[in-house]
Amino acid sequence: MKSDEIIEKIRRKLKESDPARRTVVNTFQFNFTDVDGNLIKSMVFDFKALDIYEGSASEVDGRITIADEDFYSIGTKQITFEEVVQQEKAKIEGDAEAINKMLEKFRLNSQN
C-alpha cells in the first residue's frame, strides 16, 4: 500500500511523543480503499495507547474511509485532509469532536 510509509512516519512520531502532552487520546479506524473503492486494508490509530496496528477495533471514536492514494497525498502534503473531505473523497463517521481534534493534528502537520 502506498500509504504504508506515511503510516510508519505517524507511528514513529507517536512512539516519540510524550504521553503527558497528548491532546488526542482517542481511537480511530482508517479503512483504506483502492481507486475503485474496494477495501485494501484497515488500520487502527490508537492515540490512547500511542500505537497503530493493522486490523479493526470494535470500540472506536471514529471511522475514516479514504483511498490509499488520497491518504498518501495528504501525508506528502500535496493536498489537505480538509480538501479531501470537501471533495467527498473521504467518509467520516463517529464522534465529531474527537475526529476534529485528530484532523487538527493533520492540519498542523500539513503546514510544515
N, C-alpha and C. Protein backbone atom coordinates (compact mmCIF):
# COMPACT_ATOMS: atom_id res chain seq x y z
N MET A 1 0.84 -1.17 0.00
CA MET A 1 0.00 0.00 0.00
C MET A 1 0.89 1.24 0.00
N LYS A 2 0.55 2.20 -0.82
CA LYS A 2 1.36 3.40 -0.97
C LYS A 2 1.48 4.18 0.34
N SER A 3 0.41 4.18 1.14
CA SER A 3 0.38 4.95 2.39
C SER A 3 1.19 4.34 3.52
N ASP A 4 1.71 3.14 3.34
CA ASP A 4 2.44 2.48 4.42
C ASP A 4 3.58 3.35 4.97
N GLU A 5 4.28 4.05 4.08
CA GLU A 5 5.39 4.89 4.56
C GLU A 5 4.88 6.06 5.40
N ILE A 6 3.70 6.59 5.06
CA ILE A 6 3.10 7.69 5.83
C ILE A 6 2.67 7.16 7.20
N ILE A 7 2.04 6.00 7.20
CA ILE A 7 1.58 5.39 8.45
C ILE A 7 2.78 5.11 9.36
N GLU A 8 3.86 4.64 8.78
CA GLU A 8 5.08 4.36 9.55
C GLU A 8 5.63 5.64 10.16
N LYS A 9 5.58 6.71 9.42
CA LYS A 9 6.05 8.02 9.90
C LYS A 9 5.20 8.47 11.10
N ILE A 10 3.88 8.31 11.00
CA ILE A 10 2.98 8.67 12.10
C ILE A 10 3.25 7.78 13.30
N ARG A 11 3.47 6.49 13.05
CA ARG A 11 3.76 5.53 14.13
C ARG A 11 5.03 5.95 14.88
N ARG A 12 6.07 6.34 14.14
CA ARG A 12 7.32 6.78 14.78
C ARG A 12 7.09 8.03 15.62
N LYS A 13 6.31 8.98 15.10
CA LYS A 13 6.02 10.20 15.86
C LYS A 13 5.26 9.88 17.14
N LEU A 14 4.34 8.93 17.06
CA LEU A 14 3.58 8.52 18.25
C LEU A 14 4.51 7.93 19.31
N LYS A 15 5.41 7.08 18.87
CA LYS A 15 6.33 6.42 19.81
C LYS A 15 7.24 7.45 20.49
N GLU A 16 7.56 8.54 19.78
CA GLU A 16 8.44 9.57 20.33
C GLU A 16 7.70 10.59 21.18
N SER A 17 6.37 10.60 21.09
CA SER A 17 5.61 11.65 21.78
C SER A 17 5.52 11.40 23.29
N ASP A 18 5.38 12.47 24.00
CA ASP A 18 5.26 12.45 25.46
C ASP A 18 3.80 12.18 25.83
N PRO A 19 3.52 11.03 26.44
CA PRO A 19 2.13 10.70 26.78
C PRO A 19 1.43 11.77 27.63
N ALA A 20 2.19 12.51 28.39
CA ALA A 20 1.62 13.55 29.25
C ALA A 20 1.17 14.78 28.46
N ARG A 21 1.68 14.92 27.24
CA ARG A 21 1.37 16.12 26.44
C ARG A 21 0.37 15.84 25.31
N ARG A 22 -0.26 14.69 25.34
CA ARG A 22 -1.20 14.33 24.28
C ARG A 22 -2.44 15.23 24.30
N THR A 23 -2.91 15.59 23.12
CA THR A 23 -4.17 16.32 23.03
C THR A 23 -5.26 15.43 22.42
N VAL A 24 -4.84 14.37 21.75
CA VAL A 24 -5.79 13.42 21.18
C VAL A 24 -5.56 12.08 21.89
N VAL A 25 -6.60 11.59 22.56
CA VAL A 25 -6.49 10.31 23.27
C VAL A 25 -7.62 9.38 22.83
N ASN A 26 -7.91 9.41 21.55
CA ASN A 26 -9.00 8.62 21.01
C ASN A 26 -8.46 7.52 20.10
N THR A 27 -9.37 6.66 19.67
CA THR A 27 -9.03 5.56 18.78
C THR A 27 -9.84 5.70 17.50
N PHE A 28 -9.16 5.57 16.38
CA PHE A 28 -9.80 5.71 15.08
C PHE A 28 -9.46 4.53 14.20
N GLN A 29 -10.42 4.14 13.38
CA GLN A 29 -10.16 3.10 12.40
C GLN A 29 -10.15 3.73 11.03
N PHE A 30 -9.05 3.55 10.33
CA PHE A 30 -8.93 4.02 8.96
C PHE A 30 -9.12 2.82 8.04
N ASN A 31 -10.06 2.94 7.11
CA ASN A 31 -10.27 1.90 6.10
C ASN A 31 -9.75 2.46 4.79
N PHE A 32 -8.68 1.85 4.30
CA PHE A 32 -8.04 2.31 3.07
C PHE A 32 -8.58 1.54 1.89
N THR A 33 -8.93 2.28 0.83
CA THR A 33 -9.50 1.66 -0.35
C THR A 33 -8.62 1.90 -1.58
N ASP A 34 -8.89 1.12 -2.62
CA ASP A 34 -8.22 1.37 -3.89
C ASP A 34 -9.02 2.43 -4.65
N VAL A 35 -8.63 2.75 -5.87
CA VAL A 35 -9.30 3.81 -6.63
C VAL A 35 -10.77 3.48 -6.93
N ASP A 36 -11.12 2.20 -6.90
CA ASP A 36 -12.50 1.79 -7.17
C ASP A 36 -13.34 1.71 -5.91
N GLY A 37 -12.74 2.03 -4.76
CA GLY A 37 -13.50 2.00 -3.52
C GLY A 37 -13.50 0.65 -2.81
N ASN A 38 -12.68 -0.29 -3.29
CA ASN A 38 -12.60 -1.60 -2.64
C ASN A 38 -11.61 -1.54 -1.48
N LEU A 39 -11.99 -2.14 -0.36
CA LEU A 39 -11.14 -2.13 0.82
C LEU A 39 -9.82 -2.85 0.57
N ILE A 40 -8.72 -2.17 0.89
CA ILE A 40 -7.38 -2.77 0.78
C ILE A 40 -6.94 -3.24 2.16
N LYS A 41 -7.07 -2.33 3.15
CA LYS A 41 -6.54 -2.61 4.47
C LYS A 41 -7.23 -1.72 5.49
N SER A 42 -7.41 -2.25 6.70
CA SER A 42 -7.91 -1.44 7.82
C SER A 42 -6.80 -1.30 8.83
N MET A 43 -6.65 -0.08 9.35
CA MET A 43 -5.63 0.21 10.35
C MET A 43 -6.29 0.93 11.52
N VAL A 44 -5.86 0.58 12.72
CA VAL A 44 -6.35 1.24 13.91
C VAL A 44 -5.27 2.21 14.39
N PHE A 45 -5.67 3.47 14.53
CA PHE A 45 -4.80 4.51 15.05
C PHE A 45 -5.25 4.74 16.49
N ASP A 46 -4.52 4.15 17.43
CA ASP A 46 -4.88 4.21 18.84
C ASP A 46 -4.01 5.27 19.52
N PHE A 47 -4.53 6.48 19.60
CA PHE A 47 -3.76 7.58 20.18
C PHE A 47 -3.70 7.48 21.70
N LYS A 48 -4.58 6.67 22.27
CA LYS A 48 -4.55 6.46 23.72
C LYS A 48 -3.34 5.59 24.09
N ALA A 49 -3.16 4.50 23.35
CA ALA A 49 -2.05 3.58 23.60
C ALA A 49 -0.79 3.97 22.80
N LEU A 50 -0.88 5.06 22.03
CA LEU A 50 0.22 5.52 21.18
C LEU A 50 0.71 4.41 20.25
N ASP A 51 -0.25 3.80 19.54
CA ASP A 51 0.08 2.69 18.66
C ASP A 51 -0.79 2.73 17.41
N ILE A 52 -0.27 2.14 16.36
CA ILE A 52 -1.01 1.96 15.11
C ILE A 52 -0.81 0.51 14.71
N TYR A 53 -1.91 -0.17 14.42
CA TYR A 53 -1.79 -1.57 14.03
C TYR A 53 -2.83 -1.94 12.98
N GLU A 54 -2.53 -2.99 12.23
CA GLU A 54 -3.44 -3.44 11.19
C GLU A 54 -4.58 -4.21 11.83
N GLY A 55 -5.78 -4.04 11.29
CA GLY A 55 -6.94 -4.75 11.78
C GLY A 55 -8.08 -3.78 12.04
N SER A 56 -9.04 -4.24 12.82
CA SER A 56 -10.16 -3.37 13.15
C SER A 56 -10.42 -3.46 14.64
N ALA A 57 -11.13 -2.48 15.15
CA ALA A 57 -11.44 -2.44 16.58
C ALA A 57 -12.95 -2.27 16.72
N SER A 58 -13.51 -2.93 17.70
CA SER A 58 -14.96 -2.82 17.89
C SER A 58 -15.34 -1.48 18.50
N GLU A 59 -14.48 -0.97 19.37
CA GLU A 59 -14.75 0.31 20.04
C GLU A 59 -13.82 1.39 19.50
N VAL A 60 -14.35 2.22 18.61
CA VAL A 60 -13.55 3.33 18.09
C VAL A 60 -14.36 4.62 18.21
N ASP A 61 -13.65 5.73 18.27
CA ASP A 61 -14.31 7.03 18.35
C ASP A 61 -14.71 7.54 16.97
N GLY A 62 -14.04 7.01 15.95
CA GLY A 62 -14.37 7.43 14.60
C GLY A 62 -13.84 6.45 13.57
N ARG A 63 -14.52 6.41 12.44
CA ARG A 63 -14.09 5.58 11.30
C ARG A 63 -13.92 6.50 10.10
N ILE A 64 -12.79 6.36 9.45
CA ILE A 64 -12.49 7.17 8.28
C ILE A 64 -12.21 6.21 7.12
N THR A 65 -12.97 6.36 6.06
CA THR A 65 -12.74 5.55 4.86
C THR A 65 -12.17 6.50 3.82
N ILE A 66 -10.99 6.14 3.33
CA ILE A 66 -10.27 7.03 2.42
C ILE A 66 -9.44 6.17 1.45
N ALA A 67 -9.28 6.67 0.25
CA ALA A 67 -8.45 5.96 -0.73
C ALA A 67 -6.99 6.05 -0.31
N ASP A 68 -6.28 4.96 -0.51
CA ASP A 68 -4.85 4.90 -0.21
C ASP A 68 -4.13 6.08 -0.87
N GLU A 69 -4.44 6.34 -2.11
CA GLU A 69 -3.81 7.41 -2.89
C GLU A 69 -4.04 8.78 -2.24
N ASP A 70 -5.27 9.02 -1.76
CA ASP A 70 -5.59 10.31 -1.14
C ASP A 70 -4.86 10.47 0.20
N PHE A 71 -4.80 9.40 0.99
CA PHE A 71 -4.10 9.48 2.27
C PHE A 71 -2.61 9.75 2.03
N TYR A 72 -2.06 9.11 1.01
CA TYR A 72 -0.67 9.33 0.64
C TYR A 72 -0.46 10.80 0.25
N SER A 73 -1.39 11.34 -0.53
CA SER A 73 -1.29 12.75 -0.97
C SER A 73 -1.35 13.70 0.22
N ILE A 74 -2.16 13.37 1.22
CA ILE A 74 -2.22 14.19 2.44
C ILE A 74 -0.88 14.09 3.17
N GLY A 75 -0.38 12.87 3.30
CA GLY A 75 0.87 12.64 4.03
C GLY A 75 2.08 13.28 3.38
N THR A 76 2.02 13.46 2.06
CA THR A 76 3.14 14.09 1.34
C THR A 76 2.85 15.56 1.05
N LYS A 77 1.80 16.07 1.71
CA LYS A 77 1.44 17.50 1.67
C LYS A 77 1.06 18.01 0.27
N GLN A 78 0.52 17.13 -0.58
CA GLN A 78 0.05 17.55 -1.89
C GLN A 78 -1.36 18.11 -1.82
N ILE A 79 -2.08 17.70 -0.76
CA ILE A 79 -3.47 18.11 -0.55
C ILE A 79 -3.72 18.05 0.96
N THR A 80 -4.71 18.77 1.43
CA THR A 80 -5.01 18.72 2.86
C THR A 80 -6.16 17.75 3.11
N PHE A 81 -6.26 17.29 4.35
CA PHE A 81 -7.36 16.40 4.73
C PHE A 81 -8.68 17.13 4.47
N GLU A 82 -8.68 18.42 4.77
CA GLU A 82 -9.87 19.26 4.56
C GLU A 82 -10.35 19.19 3.11
N GLU A 83 -9.40 19.32 2.18
CA GLU A 83 -9.76 19.29 0.76
C GLU A 83 -10.33 17.94 0.35
N VAL A 84 -9.75 16.87 0.88
CA VAL A 84 -10.25 15.53 0.57
C VAL A 84 -11.69 15.37 1.06
N VAL A 85 -11.96 15.89 2.25
CA VAL A 85 -13.31 15.82 2.82
C VAL A 85 -14.27 16.68 1.98
N GLN A 86 -13.84 17.91 1.64
CA GLN A 86 -14.69 18.80 0.84
C GLN A 86 -15.02 18.20 -0.52
N GLN A 87 -14.09 17.44 -1.08
CA GLN A 87 -14.31 16.80 -2.38
C GLN A 87 -15.07 15.48 -2.23
N GLU A 88 -15.51 15.20 -1.01
CA GLU A 88 -16.26 13.98 -0.69
C GLU A 88 -15.51 12.72 -1.07
N LYS A 89 -14.19 12.76 -0.88
CA LYS A 89 -13.34 11.61 -1.17
C LYS A 89 -13.06 10.80 0.09
N ALA A 90 -13.57 11.26 1.24
CA ALA A 90 -13.38 10.54 2.50
C ALA A 90 -14.73 10.45 3.19
N LYS A 91 -14.99 9.29 3.77
CA LYS A 91 -16.22 9.09 4.54
C LYS A 91 -15.82 9.06 6.01
N ILE A 92 -16.42 9.95 6.79
CA ILE A 92 -16.06 10.07 8.20
C ILE A 92 -17.31 9.83 9.05
N GLU A 93 -17.19 8.91 10.00
CA GLU A 93 -18.30 8.59 10.91
C GLU A 93 -17.78 8.56 12.33
N GLY A 94 -18.62 8.96 13.26
CA GLY A 94 -18.25 8.86 14.67
C GLY A 94 -18.33 10.17 15.41
N ASP A 95 -17.58 10.25 16.49
CA ASP A 95 -17.56 11.39 17.40
C ASP A 95 -16.91 12.58 16.68
N ALA A 96 -17.74 13.54 16.29
CA ALA A 96 -17.27 14.68 15.50
C ALA A 96 -16.18 15.46 16.23
N GLU A 97 -16.32 15.65 17.52
CA GLU A 97 -15.33 16.41 18.28
C GLU A 97 -13.97 15.70 18.28
N ALA A 98 -13.99 14.39 18.54
CA ALA A 98 -12.74 13.61 18.54
C ALA A 98 -12.10 13.61 17.16
N ILE A 99 -12.91 13.45 16.13
CA ILE A 99 -12.39 13.43 14.76
C ILE A 99 -11.79 14.79 14.40
N ASN A 100 -12.47 15.86 14.79
CA ASN A 100 -11.94 17.20 14.50
C ASN A 100 -10.61 17.45 15.20
N LYS A 101 -10.45 16.94 16.43
CA LYS A 101 -9.17 17.08 17.15
C LYS A 101 -8.06 16.38 16.38
N MET A 102 -8.36 15.16 15.89
CA MET A 102 -7.36 14.42 15.14
C MET A 102 -7.05 15.13 13.83
N LEU A 103 -8.08 15.61 13.14
CA LEU A 103 -7.86 16.30 11.86
C LEU A 103 -7.08 17.59 12.08
N GLU A 104 -7.25 18.21 13.23
CA GLU A 104 -6.47 19.41 13.57
C GLU A 104 -4.98 19.07 13.59
N LYS A 105 -4.63 17.89 14.09
CA LYS A 105 -3.23 17.44 14.09
C LYS A 105 -2.73 17.32 12.66
N PHE A 106 -3.56 16.74 11.78
CA PHE A 106 -3.18 16.62 10.37
C PHE A 106 -2.97 18.01 9.76
N ARG A 107 -3.84 18.96 10.13
CA ARG A 107 -3.73 20.33 9.61
C ARG A 107 -2.40 20.95 10.03
N LEU A 108 -2.08 20.81 11.31
CA LEU A 108 -0.82 21.37 11.82
C LEU A 108 0.38 20.77 11.11
N ASN A 109 0.33 19.46 10.91
CA ASN A 109 1.46 18.78 10.25
C ASN A 109 1.53 19.11 8.77
N SER A 110 0.41 19.44 8.15
CA SER A 110 0.43 19.71 6.72
C SER A 110 0.91 21.12 6.41
N GLN A 111 1.07 21.94 7.45
CA GLN A 111 1.52 23.32 7.22
C GLN A 111 3.04 23.45 7.31
N ASN A 112 3.73 22.37 7.60
CA ASN A 112 5.20 22.42 7.74
C ASN A 112 5.87 22.65 6.41
